[in-house]
Protein backbone atom coordinates (compact mmCIF):
# COMPACT_ATOMS: atom_id res chain seq x y z
CA MET A 1 0.00 0.00 0.00
CA ASN A 2 1.23 3.49 -0.86
CA TRP A 3 1.49 6.08 1.93
CA PHE A 4 -1.43 8.02 0.44
CA ASP A 5 -3.83 5.10 -0.20
CA ILE A 6 -7.00 5.09 1.91
CA LYS A 7 -8.40 1.79 3.13
CA ASN A 8 -11.96 3.10 3.53
CA ILE A 9 -11.98 5.12 0.30
CA LYS A 10 -15.29 3.54 -0.77
CA GLU A 11 -16.94 5.59 1.98
CA ILE A 12 -15.44 8.89 0.78
CA ASP A 13 -17.23 10.97 -1.82
CA THR A 14 -15.10 12.81 -4.37
CA PRO A 15 -13.59 15.19 -5.11
CA ALA A 16 -12.22 15.54 -1.60
CA LEU A 17 -9.21 17.07 0.10
CA LEU A 18 -7.41 14.64 2.39
CA ILE A 19 -5.19 15.93 5.20
CA TYR A 20 -2.62 13.46 6.51
CA LYS A 21 -2.41 14.49 10.14
CA ASP A 22 0.93 12.89 11.02
CA ARG A 23 2.63 14.38 7.97
CA ALA A 24 1.32 17.85 8.81
CA LYS A 25 2.73 17.47 12.32
CA GLN A 26 6.09 16.42 10.88
CA ASN A 27 6.10 19.55 8.72
CA ILE A 28 5.58 21.73 11.80
CA GLU A 29 8.43 19.96 13.57
CA LYS A 30 10.60 20.41 10.47
CA ALA A 31 9.89 24.15 10.38
CA ILE A 32 10.85 24.43 14.04
CA SER A 33 14.13 22.64 13.29
CA LEU A 34 14.96 25.21 10.58
CA VAL A 35 15.03 28.22 12.93
CA HIS A 36 17.15 29.13 15.94
CA SER A 37 14.15 29.25 18.26
CA VAL A 38 10.47 28.43 18.02
CA GLU A 39 9.90 32.01 19.18
CA GLN A 40 11.03 33.16 15.71
CA LEU A 41 8.09 31.42 14.05
CA ARG A 42 4.96 33.39 13.21
CA PRO A 43 3.30 31.03 10.68
CA HIS A 44 0.75 32.37 8.22
CA VAL A 45 -2.55 30.50 8.56
CA LYS A 46 -3.86 31.43 5.08
CA THR A 47 -2.88 27.99 3.75
CA HIS A 48 -4.72 25.73 6.18
CA LYS A 49 -7.51 27.94 7.64
CA LEU A 50 -8.14 25.19 10.21
CA LEU A 51 -8.73 25.60 13.92
CA GLU A 52 -7.31 22.13 14.55
CA ILE A 53 -4.03 22.83 12.74
CA SER A 54 -3.69 26.11 14.66
CA THR A 55 -4.12 24.14 17.89
CA MET A 56 -1.57 21.56 16.72
CA MET A 57 0.98 24.32 16.17
CA MET A 58 0.31 25.73 19.63
CA GLU A 59 0.77 22.30 21.20
CA LEU A 60 4.22 22.20 19.57
CA GLY A 61 5.20 25.56 21.06
CA ILE A 62 4.15 28.09 18.40
CA HIS A 63 2.10 30.95 19.83
CA LYS A 64 2.49 33.79 17.31
CA PHE A 65 0.63 33.78 13.99
CA LYS A 66 0.01 35.84 10.88
CA CYS A 67 -3.21 35.97 8.86
CA ALA A 68 -4.88 37.92 6.06
CA THR A 69 -8.60 38.06 6.92
CA ILE A 70 -10.76 38.93 9.91
CA ALA A 71 -12.15 35.38 9.77
CA GLU A 72 -8.66 33.88 10.00
CA ALA A 73 -7.94 36.21 12.91
CA GLU A 74 -11.14 35.12 14.65
CA MET A 75 -10.21 31.47 14.16
CA LEU A 76 -6.96 32.20 16.00
CA GLY A 77 -8.88 34.02 18.70
CA MET A 78 -11.06 30.94 19.10
CA ALA A 79 -7.86 28.89 19.48
CA LYS A 80 -6.67 31.35 22.15
CA ALA A 81 -3.50 32.17 20.26
CA LYS A 82 -1.39 34.68 22.17
CA ASP A 83 -0.31 36.97 19.34
CA VAL A 84 -1.93 37.52 15.91
CA LEU A 85 -0.74 39.89 13.19
CA ILE A 86 -3.32 40.72 10.52
CA ALA A 87 -0.97 41.23 7.59
CA TYR A 88 -3.47 42.88 5.28
CA PRO A 89 -4.83 46.43 5.08
CA VAL A 90 -7.60 46.90 7.65
CA LEU A 91 -9.77 49.74 6.41
CA GLY A 92 -13.39 50.71 5.90
CA PRO A 93 -15.84 48.35 7.71
CA LYS A 94 -12.95 46.06 8.64
CA ILE A 95 -11.78 48.56 11.25
CA LYS A 96 -14.95 48.18 13.32
CA ARG A 97 -14.80 44.41 12.84
CA LEU A 98 -11.26 44.44 14.21
CA LEU A 99 -12.39 46.42 17.23
CA ALA A 100 -15.19 43.91 17.82
CA LEU A 101 -12.69 41.06 17.43
CA ILE A 102 -10.38 42.53 20.06
CA THR A 103 -13.30 42.98 22.42
CA LYS A 104 -14.57 39.42 21.91
CA TYR A 105 -11.19 37.68 22.28
CA PRO A 106 -9.31 39.54 25.03
CA GLU A 107 -6.85 36.67 25.57
CA THR A 108 -5.35 37.27 22.12
CA LYS A 109 -3.23 40.29 21.23
CA PHE A 110 -4.13 41.46 17.73
CA SER A 111 -2.00 43.80 15.67
CA GLY A 112 -2.18 45.21 12.14
CA LEU A 113 -0.26 46.96 9.37
CA ILE A 114 -0.11 50.49 8.01
CA ASP A 115 1.37 51.63 4.70
CA ASN A 116 -0.22 55.09 4.40
CA ILE A 117 -1.18 57.91 6.71
CA ASP A 118 -4.90 57.87 5.86
CA THR A 119 -5.36 54.28 7.01
CA ALA A 120 -3.24 55.02 10.07
CA LYS A 121 -5.49 57.96 10.97
CA ASP A 122 -8.66 55.89 10.51
CA LEU A 123 -7.29 53.16 12.75
CA SER A 124 -6.21 55.70 15.34
CA ASP A 125 -9.64 57.33 15.40
CA CYS A 126 -11.39 54.00 15.99
CA PHE A 127 -8.89 52.83 18.60
CA SER A 128 -8.59 56.10 20.51
CA GLU A 129 -9.62 54.35 23.73
CA HIS A 130 -7.89 51.02 23.15
CA LYS A 131 -4.69 51.79 21.16
CA ILE A 132 -3.76 49.08 18.69
CA GLU A 133 -0.24 47.93 17.88
CA VAL A 134 0.78 48.15 14.21
CA TYR A 135 3.75 47.41 11.97
CA ILE A 136 4.99 49.55 9.10
CA ASP A 137 4.32 47.42 6.00
CA LEU A 138 7.39 47.83 3.78
CA ASN A 139 7.33 47.15 0.03
CA VAL A 140 10.56 45.23 -0.66
CA GLY A 141 9.76 44.20 -4.22
CA MET A 142 6.43 42.38 -4.15
CA ASN A 143 4.73 45.59 -5.37
CA ARG A 144 1.40 44.72 -3.87
CA THR A 145 0.93 46.52 -0.57
CA GLY A 146 3.46 48.30 1.57
CA VAL A 147 5.03 51.75 1.68
CA SER A 148 8.09 52.36 -0.49
CA VAL A 149 11.49 52.32 1.18
CA GLU A 150 11.92 56.00 0.30
CA ASN A 151 8.70 57.06 2.07
CA ALA A 152 8.70 54.66 5.02
CA PHE A 153 10.52 56.87 7.54
CA ASP A 154 8.29 59.82 6.75
CA LEU A 155 5.23 57.62 7.32
CA TYR A 156 6.65 56.54 10.67
CA LYS A 157 7.20 60.14 11.80
CA LYS A 158 3.67 61.19 10.85
CA ALA A 159 1.93 58.08 12.22
CA SER A 160 3.90 57.96 15.46
CA ASN A 161 2.06 61.11 16.57
CA LEU A 162 -1.35 59.45 16.33
CA SER A 163 -2.86 58.61 19.71
CA GLY A 164 -4.76 55.43 18.79
CA ILE A 165 -1.92 53.39 17.32
CA HIS A 166 1.44 52.21 18.61
CA ILE A 167 4.04 51.33 15.99
CA ILE A 168 6.03 48.31 17.21
CA GLY A 169 7.83 47.01 14.15
CA ILE A 170 8.42 46.53 10.44
CA HIS A 171 6.72 43.91 8.29
CA ALA A 172 7.97 42.85 4.85
CA TYR A 173 6.68 40.09 2.58
CA ASP A 174 9.05 38.85 -0.12
CA GLY A 175 6.74 36.62 -2.17
CA HIS A 176 8.60 37.64 -5.32
CA ILE A 177 11.64 35.66 -4.15
CA HIS A 178 11.20 32.02 -5.15
CA ASP A 179 14.38 31.16 -7.05
CA THR A 180 15.14 27.47 -7.33
CA ASP A 181 18.85 28.27 -7.08
CA VAL A 182 19.53 28.49 -3.34
CA LEU A 183 22.42 30.92 -3.68
CA GLN A 184 20.33 33.27 -5.80
CA ARG A 185 17.49 33.08 -3.30
CA LYS A 186 19.84 33.75 -0.41
CA HIS A 187 21.43 36.70 -2.21
CA LYS A 188 18.01 38.26 -2.78
CA THR A 189 16.96 37.78 0.84
CA GLU A 190 20.14 39.51 1.98
CA LYS A 191 19.31 42.50 -0.22
CA VAL A 192 15.79 42.61 1.22
CA PHE A 193 17.09 42.50 4.77
CA GLN A 194 19.50 45.34 4.05
CA LEU A 195 16.51 47.52 3.15
CA ILE A 196 14.69 46.53 6.34
CA ALA A 197 17.80 47.02 8.51
CA LEU A 198 18.44 50.53 7.16
CA LEU A 199 14.87 51.60 7.94
CA GLN A 200 15.02 49.87 11.32
CA LEU A 201 18.22 51.75 12.22
CA GLU A 202 16.78 55.08 11.11
CA ILE A 203 13.56 54.67 13.08
CA GLU A 204 15.23 53.27 16.19
CA LYS A 205 17.68 56.18 16.26
CA PHE A 206 14.81 58.65 15.90
CA ALA A 207 12.38 56.97 18.32
CA GLU A 208 14.93 55.60 20.79
CA LYS A 209 13.19 52.24 20.97
CA LYS A 210 13.67 48.74 19.54
CA LEU A 211 11.49 47.56 16.65
CA LYS A 212 10.30 44.04 15.87
CA ILE A 213 10.88 42.59 12.40
CA VAL A 214 8.49 40.17 10.64
CA VAL A 215 9.68 38.92 7.26
CA GLY A 216 9.69 36.04 4.79
CA GLY A 217 7.51 33.23 3.50
CA SER A 218 7.98 29.50 2.96
CA PRO A 219 10.81 29.78 0.36
CA THR A 220 12.90 32.18 2.47
CA PHE A 221 11.93 31.93 6.14
CA SER A 222 14.84 29.75 7.25
CA MET A 223 17.37 32.02 5.49
CA TYR A 224 16.27 35.00 7.54
CA ALA A 225 15.86 33.04 10.76
CA LEU A 226 19.28 31.41 10.74
CA THR A 227 21.09 34.63 9.81
CA HIS A 228 19.20 37.02 12.09
CA GLU A 229 18.20 35.51 15.42
CA ASP A 230 16.02 38.44 16.47
CA VAL A 231 13.56 38.36 13.54
CA GLU A 232 10.22 36.61 13.24
CA VAL A 233 9.47 34.62 10.07
CA SER A 234 6.15 33.67 8.49
CA PRO A 235 6.05 30.52 6.36
CA GLY A 236 2.58 29.32 5.39
CA THR A 237 2.57 26.70 2.62
CA PHE A 238 5.04 24.52 4.55
CA ILE A 239 2.21 23.02 6.58
CA PHE A 240 0.85 20.96 3.66
CA TRP A 241 3.44 21.72 0.93
CA ASP A 242 2.42 21.25 -2.69
CA ALA A 243 3.66 20.07 -6.07
CA GLY A 244 4.60 23.60 -7.11
CA TYR A 245 7.02 24.14 -4.25
CA LYS A 246 8.28 20.56 -4.46
CA GLU A 247 9.41 21.36 -8.01
CA THR A 248 10.82 24.83 -7.41
CA MET A 249 12.18 24.42 -3.86
CA PRO A 250 13.98 21.04 -3.88
CA ASP A 251 16.22 22.14 -0.98
CA PHE A 252 13.27 21.73 1.40
CA ASP A 253 12.13 18.28 2.46
CA PHE A 254 8.66 19.11 3.71
CA LEU A 255 6.13 16.35 3.15
CA TRP A 256 3.01 16.45 1.05
CA ALA A 257 0.23 16.46 3.62
CA GLY A 258 -2.72 17.68 1.54
CA ILE A 259 -3.90 15.28 -1.20
CA ILE A 260 -6.81 15.54 -3.62
CA VAL A 261 -8.73 12.34 -4.27
CA THR A 262 -10.84 12.07 -7.43
CA ARG A 263 -12.63 9.41 -9.48
CA VAL A 264 -12.86 8.55 -13.14
CA ILE A 265 -16.43 9.41 -14.15
CA SER A 266 -16.36 8.76 -17.90
CA ILE A 267 -14.28 7.08 -20.59
CA ILE A 268 -14.41 9.45 -23.58
CA ASN A 269 -12.45 7.43 -26.16
CA GLU A 270 -9.27 5.35 -26.49
CA THR A 271 -7.00 8.10 -25.13
CA HIS A 272 -9.20 10.49 -23.14
CA LEU A 273 -11.18 10.18 -19.95
CA CYS A 274 -12.89 12.49 -17.49
CA LEU A 275 -12.51 12.97 -13.73
CA ASP A 276 -14.80 14.62 -11.20
CA LEU A 277 -12.17 17.29 -10.52
CA GLY A 278 -13.30 20.66 -11.78
CA HIS A 279 -11.86 24.02 -10.84
CA LYS A 280 -14.39 24.25 -8.03
CA ALA A 281 -12.27 21.67 -6.18
CA ILE A 282 -8.69 22.63 -7.04
CA ALA A 283 -6.98 25.99 -7.49
CA ALA A 284 -7.36 27.12 -11.09
CA GLU A 285 -5.43 30.39 -11.17
CA ASN A 286 -2.47 28.73 -12.88
CA PRO A 287 -2.37 27.07 -16.31
CA LEU A 288 -2.80 23.32 -16.64
CA PRO A 289 -1.65 21.06 -15.10
CA ARG A 290 -3.10 22.01 -11.72
CA ILE A 291 -2.47 18.64 -10.08
CA LYS A 292 0.35 16.12 -10.02
CA PHE A 293 -1.11 12.63 -10.02
CA LEU A 294 0.63 10.07 -7.84
CA SER A 295 1.64 6.67 -9.27
CA ASN A 296 0.48 7.82 -12.72
CA GLU A 297 3.13 9.76 -14.60
CA GLU A 298 1.55 9.34 -18.05
CA ILE A 299 -1.51 11.47 -17.35
CA ILE A 300 -1.77 14.81 -19.19
CA SER A 301 -4.43 17.35 -18.17
CA ILE A 302 -5.92 18.88 -21.31
CA GLY A 303 -9.13 20.62 -20.25
CA GLN A 304 -11.03 21.65 -17.13
CA SER A 305 -14.40 23.16 -16.33
CA GLU A 306 -16.40 23.68 -13.16
CA GLU A 307 -16.93 20.00 -12.33
CA HIS A 308 -14.82 18.12 -14.90
CA LEU A 309 -11.16 17.47 -15.68
CA VAL A 310 -10.40 15.86 -19.04
CA VAL A 311 -7.08 14.03 -19.24
CA GLN A 312 -5.14 12.20 -21.90
CA VAL A 313 -3.56 8.78 -21.35
CA GLU A 314 -1.86 6.26 -23.59
CA ASN A 315 -4.71 3.78 -23.47
CA THR A 316 -7.96 4.15 -21.56
CA SER A 317 -8.49 0.39 -21.54
CA LYS A 318 -6.20 0.29 -18.50
CA TYR A 319 -8.70 2.36 -16.52
CA ALA A 320 -12.26 1.91 -15.27
CA VAL A 321 -15.15 4.18 -14.43
CA GLY A 322 -15.22 4.70 -10.66
CA GLU A 323 -11.46 4.21 -10.30
CA VAL A 324 -9.86 6.36 -7.59
CA TRP A 325 -6.88 8.60 -8.28
CA TYR A 326 -4.78 10.61 -5.83
CA GLY A 327 -2.89 13.77 -6.64
CA VAL A 328 -1.02 16.73 -5.14
CA PRO A 329 -2.29 20.23 -5.96
CA ILE A 330 0.18 22.47 -7.76
CA HIS A 331 -1.01 25.25 -5.42
CA ILE A 332 -2.44 24.06 -2.12
CA CYS A 333 -3.34 27.39 -0.48
CA PRO A 334 -6.37 28.42 -2.60
CA THR A 335 -7.27 24.75 -3.01
CA VAL A 336 -8.02 24.42 0.72
CA ALA A 337 -10.31 27.46 0.55
CA LEU A 338 -12.47 25.69 -2.04
CA HIS A 339 -13.44 22.93 0.40
CA LYS A 340 -16.03 23.30 3.15
CA GLU A 341 -14.35 20.50 5.07
CA VAL A 342 -11.26 18.32 4.82
CA GLN A 343 -11.03 14.59 5.47
CA ILE A 344 -8.50 13.64 8.14
CA VAL A 345 -6.29 10.61 7.54
CA GLU A 346 -4.51 8.54 10.16
CA ASP A 347 -2.93 5.14 9.46
CA ASN A 348 -4.38 5.09 5.91
CA MET A 349 -7.91 5.57 7.18
CA VAL A 350 -10.17 8.61 7.00
CA VAL A 351 -11.07 9.03 10.66
CA ASP A 352 -12.57 12.49 10.90
CA ALA A 353 -13.63 15.62 9.03
CA TRP A 354 -12.55 19.14 9.98
CA LYS A 355 -14.48 22.21 8.95
CA VAL A 356 -12.39 24.75 7.05
CA ILE A 357 -13.71 27.38 9.40
CA ALA A 358 -11.79 30.38 8.06
CA ARG A 359 -12.55 29.84 4.36
CA ASP A 360 -15.44 32.29 4.61
CA ARG A 361 -15.02 36.02 5.00
CA LYS A 362 -16.88 35.97 8.31
CA ILE A 363 -17.26 33.57 11.22
CA THR A 364 -19.14 35.69 13.78
CA VAL A 365 -17.41 39.07 13.82
């Protein structure tokens, strides 16, 4: 039996996302082994969105987290996480939701980001009686959110005078760094950290206080952590890993812990067949292929719609309608968000189902 085969697969409807609990735990332990101290880890929960995985991380000594949505933050509040950074602009109605979140989950310290003075002022106005901690979000090349390096110090000086916020650090996400060549990746992370360090030095000299640094994702987190012992790092995809990172990041030996199971639903002709794996069940933002099938190297994905995946094989006579196939998503993070629940595997048996509680934009707050 292969490590991914499920003994009670006849009871499992497809398509389904299987989470191999022991392998996910091993990935957490591996991440801990790749940093100086577990205190450096602030994992991003956007990949798993699961209360149970958050609890598993806490049981292994991780108590700081990063997230992108109010729902993900509430999930962490439900888990009684100690420290949660919402690494996404909180503005408009989200500001009042954040205030409600802080009120509802007092055991968790929530913080946010600022990258412009208008958002900083709006946060300050809402938190005039509570004062929320924030990080300067620095654009180090991702070109998505974040203040430019040139304008970051000026933003600090203006925002530091606001009464409702307390600036405690610098946040930088380097998602543009995913070179397969380890030396190239390391060189780019060093350049990113130079930018952060220069701003950190300038602000600390001006403010006469120490700043926290939060930086990195799954491809780079260990490079920052092992070189700079006082930074926090935020890998996310590591928890389940995927076929995309397995291909581009061969220096990591994280295990595949999230597997899609699908069935053959129709034999089209001698070389083509159809699976029940549409883009409602697996991330479709990238070109085909969107899944790497296990134990079946000959399969070529040629077309996908909402509920169907058409593939090409050498000879369909080798396959049967109802046959079960297992595969690893090319991109696991948005794949998880497509599933209302995941099936939990232990000892090659599906033993439980966990609700993907933070897949929605709102839980209660």
